[in-house]
Amino acid sequence: MLVINIYYTGKDGSARAFAKEMTESGLVDRIRQEEGNLGYEYFFPVDHEETILLIDKWKNQEALDFHHKTDMMKQIAVLREKYKLKMKVERYQGE
């Protein structure tokens, strides 16, 4: 299993607005339905109001690679740009 933690940081509530649009647009549900997706959840750190954490879990590298080639990735990139977010990525591999 792969676990990808992505910290999105913005200004004036933009990170939370990004997560809200991702959810309301249906992108989150579509990602969760992809073959090999084991979880896709947003969290809000208590001590960093301008940051959200995405915990993204995949069965294996092949499933993640397939996800990265989908049109959804282009839509996510457009939204990241729209909200002017910075990203920090952590990657963990488990069993």
Protein backbone atom coordinates (compact mmCIF):
# COMPACT_ATOMS: atom_id res chain seq x y z
CA MET A 1 0.00 0.00 0.00
CA LEU A 2 1.13 3.55 -0.75
CA VAL A 3 0.13 6.48 1.42
CA ILE A 4 0.63 9.96 0.02
CA ASN A 5 0.21 12.91 2.38
CA ILE A 6 -0.22 16.19 0.55
CA TYR A 7 -0.25 19.44 2.49
CA TYR A 8 -1.94 22.23 0.53
CA THR A 9 -1.24 25.72 1.86
CA GLY A 10 -2.80 28.95 0.67
CA LYS A 11 -4.04 32.30 1.91
CA ASP A 12 -7.38 33.69 3.07
CA GLY A 13 -9.06 30.28 3.29
CA SER A 14 -8.08 29.19 -0.23
CA ALA A 15 -6.95 25.70 0.83
CA ARG A 16 -10.30 24.96 2.45
CA ALA A 17 -12.12 26.41 -0.56
CA PHE A 18 -10.07 24.08 -2.79
CA ALA A 19 -11.09 21.02 -0.73
CA LYS A 20 -14.71 22.14 -0.79
CA GLU A 21 -14.69 22.54 -4.59
CA MET A 22 -12.92 19.20 -5.04
CA THR A 23 -15.67 17.55 -3.01
CA GLU A 24 -18.67 19.42 -4.42
CA SER A 25 -17.51 19.02 -8.03
CA GLY A 26 -17.55 15.22 -7.67
CA LEU A 27 -13.80 14.83 -8.25
CA VAL A 28 -13.26 13.31 -4.81
CA ASP A 29 -15.97 10.69 -5.37
CA ARG A 30 -14.56 9.84 -8.80
CA ILE A 31 -11.06 9.37 -7.37
CA ARG A 32 -12.41 7.16 -4.58
CA GLN A 33 -14.05 4.95 -7.20
CA GLU A 34 -10.84 4.43 -9.17
CA GLU A 35 -9.40 0.92 -9.27
CA GLY A 36 -6.80 0.61 -6.51
CA ASN A 37 -7.83 3.66 -4.48
CA LEU A 38 -8.01 2.77 -0.79
CA GLY A 39 -8.78 6.20 0.62
CA TYR A 40 -8.93 9.89 -0.24
CA GLU A 41 -9.63 12.12 2.77
CA TYR A 42 -9.06 15.78 3.64
CA PHE A 43 -8.16 16.91 7.15
CA PHE A 44 -7.73 20.37 8.65
CA PRO A 45 -4.75 20.85 11.02
CA VAL A 46 -5.86 22.71 14.15
CA ASP A 47 -2.74 24.85 14.38
CA HIS A 48 -2.43 25.73 10.66
CA GLU A 49 -5.67 27.33 9.47
CA GLU A 50 -4.32 28.00 5.97
CA THR A 51 -3.34 24.35 5.38
CA ILE A 52 -5.31 21.21 4.58
CA LEU A 53 -3.94 17.69 4.57
CA LEU A 54 -4.95 15.14 1.97
CA ILE A 55 -4.29 11.51 2.88
CA ASP A 56 -4.36 9.58 -0.38
CA LYS A 57 -4.04 5.76 -0.23
CA TRP A 58 -3.40 3.40 -3.13
CA LYS A 59 -3.15 -0.37 -3.45
CA ASN A 60 0.15 -0.17 -5.36
CA GLN A 61 2.33 2.00 -7.59
CA GLU A 62 0.54 0.85 -10.74
CA ALA A 63 -2.81 2.16 -9.46
CA LEU A 64 -1.21 5.49 -8.53
CA ASP A 65 0.51 5.75 -11.92
CA PHE A 66 -2.81 5.13 -13.68
CA HIS A 67 -4.46 7.84 -11.54
CA HIS A 68 -1.72 10.31 -12.46
CA LYS A 69 -2.51 9.79 -16.17
CA THR A 70 -6.23 10.56 -15.86
CA ASP A 71 -7.96 13.77 -16.87
CA MET A 72 -8.81 14.23 -13.20
CA MET A 73 -5.18 15.15 -12.55
CA LYS A 74 -5.49 17.99 -15.06
CA GLN A 75 -8.64 19.21 -13.30
CA ILE A 76 -6.89 19.08 -9.93
CA ALA A 77 -3.95 21.07 -11.32
CA VAL A 78 -6.34 23.73 -12.62
CA LEU A 79 -7.98 24.01 -9.20
CA ARG A 80 -4.60 24.17 -7.43
CA GLU A 81 -3.65 27.07 -9.69
CA LYS A 82 -7.04 28.75 -9.23
CA TYR A 83 -6.53 28.79 -5.45
CA LYS A 84 -2.77 29.52 -5.71
CA LEU A 85 -1.81 26.65 -3.43
CA LYS A 86 1.64 25.44 -2.46
CA MET A 87 2.16 21.72 -1.94
CA LYS A 88 4.33 19.61 0.32
CA VAL A 89 4.27 15.86 -0.38
CA GLU A 90 5.22 12.95 1.87
CA ARG A 91 5.17 9.38 0.62
CA TYR A 92 5.01 6.20 2.68
CA GLN A 93 5.00 2.56 1.62
CA GLY A 94 3.45 -0.14 3.74
CA GLU A 95 2.11 -3.64 3.38
